[in-house]
Protein backbone atom coordinates (compact mmCIF):
# COMPACT_ATOMS: atom_id res chain seq x y z
CA MET A 1 0.00 0.00 0.00
CA THR A 2 1.61 3.24 -1.16
CA VAL A 3 -1.26 5.64 -0.31
CA GLN A 4 -1.93 6.66 3.27
CA VAL A 5 -5.12 8.63 3.84
CA ASP A 6 -5.17 11.26 6.60
CA LYS A 7 -8.60 12.82 6.07
CA LEU A 8 -11.59 12.00 3.87
CA VAL A 9 -14.89 13.87 3.56
CA VAL A 10 -17.60 13.04 1.00
CA HIS A 11 -20.58 15.26 0.13
CA TYR A 12 -23.27 14.78 -2.52
CA VAL A 13 -23.90 17.21 -5.39
CA ASP A 14 -27.31 17.26 -7.07
CA LYS A 15 -27.68 19.53 -10.12
CA ASN A 16 -31.26 20.07 -11.24
CA GLU A 17 -33.25 22.64 -13.21
CA GLU A 18 -33.48 24.95 -10.20
CA GLY A 19 -29.76 24.95 -9.48
CA VAL A 20 -27.28 23.06 -7.33
CA ASP A 21 -28.09 21.30 -4.07
CA ILE A 22 -25.21 19.94 -1.99
CA HIS A 23 -25.99 17.43 0.73
CA LEU A 24 -23.28 17.58 3.38
CA ARG A 25 -21.94 14.64 5.31
CA ASN A 26 -21.96 15.40 9.04
CA ASP A 27 -18.31 14.60 9.73
CA GLU A 28 -15.10 13.09 8.39
CA MET A 29 -15.20 9.51 7.18
CA PRO A 30 -13.34 7.00 9.37
CA VAL A 31 -10.12 5.93 7.66
CA ASN A 32 -9.59 2.19 7.25
CA GLU A 33 -7.98 -0.19 4.76
CA ARG A 34 -10.94 0.06 2.39
CA VAL A 35 -10.62 3.86 2.30
CA ASN A 36 -6.88 3.62 1.58
CA ILE A 37 -7.47 1.21 -1.32
CA PHE A 38 -10.21 3.42 -2.77
CA ILE A 39 -8.07 6.56 -2.66
CA GLU A 40 -5.13 4.68 -4.16
CA GLN A 41 -7.37 3.73 -7.11
CA LEU A 42 -8.53 7.34 -7.37
CA HIS A 43 -4.92 8.57 -7.22
CA HIS A 44 -3.81 6.33 -10.11
CA ALA A 45 -6.94 7.14 -12.14
CA TYR A 46 -6.22 10.85 -11.73
CA ASN A 47 -2.57 10.40 -12.76
CA GLY A 48 -3.71 8.64 -15.92
CA LYS A 49 -5.99 11.46 -17.04
CA PRO A 50 -4.50 13.28 -20.07
CA GLY A 51 -4.42 16.99 -20.79
CA LYS A 52 -4.03 18.42 -17.30
CA GLY A 53 -3.58 22.10 -16.55
CA PHE A 54 -1.26 23.47 -13.86
CA CYS A 55 -1.70 26.53 -11.68
CA GLY A 56 -1.13 28.14 -8.30
CA PHE A 57 -3.20 30.22 -5.92
CA SER A 58 -3.54 33.85 -6.97
CA GLY A 59 -3.05 36.55 -4.36
CA GLU A 60 -5.34 38.81 -6.37
CA LYS A 61 -8.33 36.44 -6.30
CA ASN A 62 -8.65 36.16 -2.50
CA SER A 63 -9.05 32.36 -2.67
CA VAL A 64 -11.35 30.89 -0.03
CA VAL A 65 -9.90 27.44 -0.74
CA ALA A 66 -6.34 28.69 -0.25
CA SER A 67 -7.07 30.53 3.01
CA SER A 68 -9.01 27.63 4.53
CA LEU A 69 -6.36 25.08 3.52
CA GLU A 70 -3.65 27.30 4.97
CA SER A 71 -5.59 27.44 8.26
CA TYR A 72 -5.84 23.63 8.16
CA ARG A 73 -2.09 23.29 7.55
CA GLN A 74 -1.41 25.57 10.52
CA GLY A 75 -3.71 23.49 12.74
CA ASP A 76 -6.29 26.27 13.11
CA MET A 77 -9.13 24.58 11.20
CA HIS A 78 -10.50 21.06 10.97
CA PHE A 79 -10.43 19.44 7.55
CA TYR A 80 -14.23 19.05 7.60
CA HIS A 81 -14.64 22.84 7.96
CA VAL A 82 -12.27 23.32 5.01
CA THR A 83 -14.68 21.28 2.89
CA GLU A 84 -17.68 23.28 4.16
CA GLN A 85 -16.10 26.55 3.03
CA ALA A 86 -14.97 25.07 -0.28
CA VAL A 87 -18.44 23.69 -0.98
CA THR A 88 -19.95 27.16 -0.61
CA VAL A 89 -17.65 28.48 -3.36
CA LEU A 90 -18.14 25.37 -5.48
CA LYS A 91 -21.92 25.77 -5.40
CA GLU A 92 -21.65 29.37 -6.58
CA GLU A 93 -19.33 28.41 -9.45
CA LEU A 94 -21.40 25.40 -10.54
CA ASN A 95 -24.45 27.62 -10.84
CA LYS A 96 -22.52 29.86 -13.27
CA TYR A 97 -21.70 27.03 -15.69
CA ALA A 98 -23.89 24.64 -17.63
CA PHE A 99 -22.48 21.52 -15.96
CA ASN A 100 -25.25 18.99 -15.43
CA GLU A 101 -23.17 17.13 -12.87
CA THR A 102 -24.56 14.90 -10.16
CA GLY A 103 -22.30 12.80 -7.99
CA TYR A 104 -20.14 12.50 -4.91
CA LEU A 105 -17.81 15.36 -4.06
CA ILE A 106 -14.65 13.95 -2.52
CA PHE A 107 -12.16 15.91 -0.42
CA CYS A 108 -9.14 13.89 0.62
CA HIS A 109 -5.83 14.67 2.29
CA TYR A 110 -3.45 11.79 1.64
CA ARG A 111 0.21 10.90 1.33
CA TYR A 112 1.77 9.06 -1.58
CA VAL A 113 5.39 7.98 -1.01
CA ALA A 114 7.00 11.30 0.09
CA ASP A 115 4.34 13.60 -1.38
CA ASP A 116 1.46 15.25 0.46
CA PHE A 117 -1.75 15.96 -1.50
CA VAL A 118 -5.26 17.31 -1.18
CA LEU A 119 -7.52 15.91 -3.90
CA ILE A 120 -10.90 17.44 -4.74
CA ALA A 121 -12.97 15.39 -7.20
CA LEU A 122 -16.57 15.10 -8.32
CA ILE A 123 -17.28 11.44 -9.12
CA ASN A 124 -20.40 10.51 -11.07
CA VAL A 125 -22.37 7.34 -10.41
CA LYS A 126 -23.14 4.59 -12.90
CA GLU A 127 -25.84 1.93 -12.86
CA HIS A 128 -24.58 -1.67 -12.93
CA TYR A 129 -26.70 -4.77 -13.46
CA SER A 130 -26.28 -8.33 -12.25
CA ILE A 131 -28.23 -11.57 -11.87
CA THR A 132 -29.09 -12.93 -8.41
CA SER A 133 -28.86 -16.57 -7.34
CA GLU A 134 -32.64 -16.72 -7.92
CA LEU A 135 -31.99 -15.59 -11.52
CA ASP A 136 -33.60 -12.20 -11.00
CA LEU A 137 -32.20 -8.98 -12.40
CA THR A 138 -30.83 -6.53 -9.85
CA SER A 139 -29.01 -3.23 -10.10
CA SER A 140 -26.62 -1.17 -8.01
CA ARG A 141 -24.97 2.24 -8.26
CA HIS A 142 -21.17 2.38 -8.53
CA LEU A 143 -18.71 5.25 -8.53
CA ASP A 144 -17.59 5.87 -12.12
CA ILE A 145 -13.93 6.65 -11.36
CA SER A 146 -12.67 6.03 -14.90
CA ARG A 147 -14.81 8.88 -16.30
CA MET A 148 -13.81 11.46 -13.71
CA GLN A 149 -13.75 14.91 -15.35
CA LEU A 150 -14.01 17.45 -12.55
CA ALA A 151 -10.97 17.11 -10.30
CA ALA A 152 -8.00 19.06 -8.98
CA ARG A 153 -5.05 18.06 -6.81
CA ILE A 154 -2.96 20.35 -4.61
CA ASP A 155 0.64 19.35 -3.90
CA LEU A 156 1.07 20.62 -0.34
CA ASN A 157 4.85 20.13 -0.41
CA GLY A 158 5.12 22.09 -3.65
CA TRP A 159 2.93 24.83 -2.22
CA ALA A 160 5.15 25.13 0.85
CA THR A 161 8.45 25.22 -1.07
CA ASN A 162 7.63 26.72 -4.49
CA ALA A 163 4.46 28.75 -4.08
CA ASN A 164 5.50 31.31 -6.69
CA GLU A 165 5.94 28.82 -9.54
CA ASN A 166 2.17 28.44 -10.20
CA ARG A 167 2.43 24.71 -10.83
CA PHE A 168 1.71 22.97 -7.51
CA ILE A 169 -1.97 22.52 -8.41
CA SER A 170 -3.04 20.30 -11.27
CA PHE A 171 -6.55 19.94 -12.68
CA ILE A 172 -8.28 17.99 -15.42
CA LYS A 173 -9.05 20.30 -18.32
CA GLY A 174 -11.81 18.01 -19.53
CA ARG A 175 -13.44 17.32 -22.84
CA ALA A 176 -13.37 19.79 -25.74
CA GLY A 177 -16.08 22.42 -25.62
CA ARG A 178 -16.40 22.44 -21.83
CA LYS A 179 -15.03 25.31 -19.78
CA VAL A 180 -13.69 23.01 -17.10
CA ALA A 181 -10.40 24.90 -16.99
CA ASP A 182 -12.19 28.22 -16.33
CA PHE A 183 -14.40 26.56 -13.74
CA PHE A 184 -11.56 25.15 -11.66
CA LEU A 185 -9.45 28.29 -11.90
CA ASP A 186 -12.39 30.31 -10.54
CA PHE A 187 -13.31 27.73 -7.89
CA LEU A 188 -9.77 27.41 -6.54
CA GLY A 189 -8.93 31.10 -6.95
CA CYS A 190 -5.97 30.35 -9.20
CA GLU A 191 -4.04 31.60 -12.17
CA GLU A 192 -2.69 29.13 -14.71
CA GLY A 193 1.04 28.53 -14.72
CA ILE A 194 3.28 26.14 -16.62
CA ASP A 195 1.90 24.62 -19.85
CA ALA A 196 2.62 20.88 -19.91
CA LYS A 197 1.88 20.53 -23.62
CA GLN A 198 4.11 23.45 -24.59
CA GLN A 199 6.97 22.21 -22.39
CA SER A 200 6.65 18.67 -23.77
CA ASN A 201 6.79 20.03 -27.33
CA VAL A 202 9.93 22.05 -26.54
CA MET A 203 11.50 18.96 -24.99
CA LEU A 204 10.74 16.91 -28.13
CA THR A 205 12.30 19.57 -30.35
CA ALA A 206 15.39 19.76 -28.15
CA VAL A 207 15.76 15.96 -28.10
CA GLU A 208 15.48 15.68 -31.90
CA ASP A 209 17.99 18.49 -32.40
CA TYR A 210 20.35 16.82 -29.95
CA LEU A 211 20.08 13.44 -31.67
CA SER A 212 20.86 15.06 -35.01
CA GLU A 213 23.77 17.01 -33.53
CA GLN A 214 25.30 13.85 -32.09
CA GLU A 215 24.97 12.05 -35.45
CA TYR A 216 23.60 8.83 -33.97
CA GLU A 217 22.66 5.96 -36.27
CA LYS A 218 18.97 5.41 -37.03
CA GLU A 219 18.70 2.40 -34.72
CA GLU A 220 20.40 4.31 -31.90
CA LYS A 221 18.02 7.24 -32.35
CA ASN A 222 14.98 4.97 -32.22
CA GLU A 223 16.26 3.27 -29.08
CA LEU A 224 17.00 6.58 -27.35
CA ARG A 225 13.57 7.95 -28.32
CA LYS A 226 12.02 4.83 -26.78
CA GLN A 227 14.00 5.32 -23.56
CA VAL A 228 12.96 8.98 -23.32
CA PHE A 229 9.33 8.03 -23.93
CA ASP A 230 9.48 5.28 -21.27
CA TYR A 231 10.91 7.76 -18.76
CA CYS A 232 8.24 10.37 -19.56
CA ASN A 233 5.50 7.73 -19.42
CA ASP A 234 6.70 6.69 -15.96
CA CYS A 235 6.47 10.35 -14.90
CA VAL A 236 2.86 10.47 -16.09
CA SER A 237 2.03 7.25 -14.22
CA THR A 238 3.47 8.52 -10.94
CA GLY A 239 2.26 12.10 -11.38
CA SER A 240 5.80 13.47 -11.09
CA ASP A 241 7.64 16.06 -13.19
CA ALA A 242 10.20 15.11 -15.81
CA GLU A 243 13.72 16.22 -14.86
CA VAL A 244 16.10 17.44 -17.56
CA VAL A 245 19.00 15.95 -15.59
CA GLU A 246 17.34 12.53 -15.78
CA LEU A 247 16.67 12.98 -19.51
CA SER A 248 20.31 13.92 -19.98
CA GLY A 249 21.43 10.73 -18.27
CA THR A 250 19.24 8.75 -20.66
CA LEU A 251 20.40 10.52 -23.83
CA SER A 252 24.04 11.34 -23.22
CA LYS A 253 26.59 8.76 -24.35
CA GLY A 254 30.37 8.62 -24.41
CA ASP A 255 32.48 11.78 -24.40
CA GLY A 256 30.09 13.91 -26.46
CA GLN A 257 28.19 16.94 -25.21
CA SER A 258 25.52 16.11 -22.64
CA PHE A 259 21.89 16.88 -23.39
CA ASP A 260 21.79 19.03 -20.25
CA SER A 261 24.50 21.39 -21.52
CA PHE A 262 23.20 21.21 -25.11
CA TYR A 263 19.72 22.52 -24.29
CA LYS A 264 21.17 25.30 -22.13
CA ASP A 265 23.63 26.36 -24.85
CA GLN A 266 20.83 26.47 -27.42
CA ASN A 267 18.57 28.49 -25.09
CA TYR A 268 15.49 26.29 -25.40
CA ASP A 269 12.53 27.58 -23.39
CA LEU A 270 12.53 24.46 -21.23
CA GLU A 271 12.28 24.33 -17.44
CA ASP A 272 14.70 22.19 -15.44
CA SER A 273 11.64 20.16 -14.43
CA PHE A 274 8.23 20.15 -16.06
CA PRO A 275 4.93 18.20 -16.09
CA VAL A 276 4.57 15.83 -19.04
CA ASP A 277 1.74 15.77 -21.57
CA LYS A 278 1.45 12.10 -22.54
CA LYS A 279 -0.22 12.62 -25.91
CA THR A 280 2.57 14.95 -26.97
CA VAL A 281 5.45 12.67 -25.98
CA THR A 282 3.77 9.64 -27.57
CA SER A 283 4.53 11.22 -30.95
CA MET A 284 8.18 10.48 -30.20
CA VAL A 285 7.61 6.77 -30.79
CA LYS A 286 4.36 6.60 -32.74
CA PHE A 287 2.61 8.29 -35.66
CA SER A 288 -1.18 8.34 -35.56
CA GLY A 289 -4.08 10.21 -37.04
CA GLN A 290 -7.69 9.88 -38.08
CA GLY A 291 -10.17 11.61 -40.34
CA GLY A 292 -12.60 10.93 -43.13
CA GLY A 293 -13.44 7.51 -41.73
CA VAL A 294 -9.79 6.36 -41.67
CA SER A 295 -7.65 5.79 -38.59
CA VAL A 296 -3.93 4.98 -38.92
CA SER A 297 -1.32 4.33 -36.24
CA PHE A 298 2.16 2.82 -36.42
CA GLU A 299 5.44 2.85 -34.56
CA ARG A 300 7.86 5.50 -35.72
CA LYS A 301 10.66 2.99 -36.29
CA HIS A 302 8.70 1.42 -39.18
CA LEU A 303 8.67 4.61 -41.26
CA GLY A 304 10.88 4.14 -44.32
CA GLU A 305 10.82 0.36 -43.96
CA ARG A 306 7.46 -1.36 -43.46
CA VAL A 307 5.68 1.97 -43.99
CA GLN A 308 6.50 4.20 -46.97
CA TYR A 309 5.16 7.74 -47.27
CA ASN A 310 4.92 9.60 -50.59
CA SER A 311 4.17 13.28 -50.10
CA GLN A 312 3.68 13.85 -53.83
CA THR A 313 0.85 11.33 -54.15
CA ASP A 314 -0.39 11.73 -50.54
CA THR A 315 -0.20 7.97 -49.96
CA LEU A 316 1.07 5.48 -47.38
CA VAL A 317 2.23 2.01 -48.44
CA ILE A 318 2.15 -0.54 -45.63
CA LYS A 319 4.06 -3.80 -46.02
CA GLY A 320 3.06 -6.62 -43.74
CA ILE A 321 -0.33 -5.48 -42.49
CA PRO A 322 -1.54 -6.84 -39.11
CA PRO A 323 -2.86 -10.46 -39.36
CA ASN A 324 -6.30 -9.62 -37.96
CA LEU A 325 -6.77 -6.82 -40.50
CA LYS A 326 -5.52 -9.06 -43.31
CA ASP A 327 -7.99 -11.75 -42.29
CA GLN A 328 -10.90 -9.26 -42.39
CA LEU A 329 -9.90 -8.01 -45.83
CA GLU A 330 -9.50 -11.52 -47.30
CA ARG A 331 -12.88 -12.64 -45.96
CA PHE A 332 -14.50 -9.50 -47.33
CA PHE A 333 -13.20 -10.09 -50.86
CA GLU A 334 -14.04 -13.79 -50.74
CA GLU A 335 -17.67 -12.86 -50.08
CA GLN A 336 -17.88 -10.44 -53.03
């Protein structure tokens, strides 16, 4: 067990035509092994969510969440009262936006390895069906963790040590067309900081320039790209920042210039540590795209060998198509 829960409070949010009703639990939930397992699942589900934004509390916005959490950290306020104050702000913000959300509002203070977090998440419920021993149909309501869209996590250690960097709070930006980012910035009283997608793109550019500068062979480049991707993917899984020093250790070989000194000499706009956008770094090892009813994806190392691209004719030639696709095509033509 890597997650240790300190405090957990759950309220219920009901959004209807008249507005938002929030049903408050009377106290904190007792912490036991079941609670620890649940929050560990929630922690990993949150880490796996793509497209997060990063921010910090804004002194100009007079954040209720920030002031109440600070009182809690100083021992002047109970965690339950923090959630009461936060819920008041949340209700006001939910009424401003067209979010038809109903579910359980979770406030949790927990530790993961050496990190200290407060997670705020609205979890929807989903109906599940099963058959009883008497062969009757029955249903139950389950928390739909995998589809969590409204959530933010505050790194208390980062807040204490690097409050001015505007990156110790992460939040799920949500699906296209929804102003989830605006909602959470207003609710938390924050201003957005570091851009994970922009930093990941700069890192990719710097890595490709470095690989070209070092004149590695094609196979070496593909292997190094894979190692960088694996490192970045591990960062996404654990919710930690990528460190340029660690990337440099992965990329640098022999007596040549290190990646660390290369990116500094070239003045790339890259932080020493930065949050990773998984979709962006995946392009390091895979090409993919879809449109017009066609979806194509293949590993980067196959380009120029199994996959040939002709820009003049706008065509891809694939040699050795996947067996399951080949089987579908052959059966289709046999039936014609």
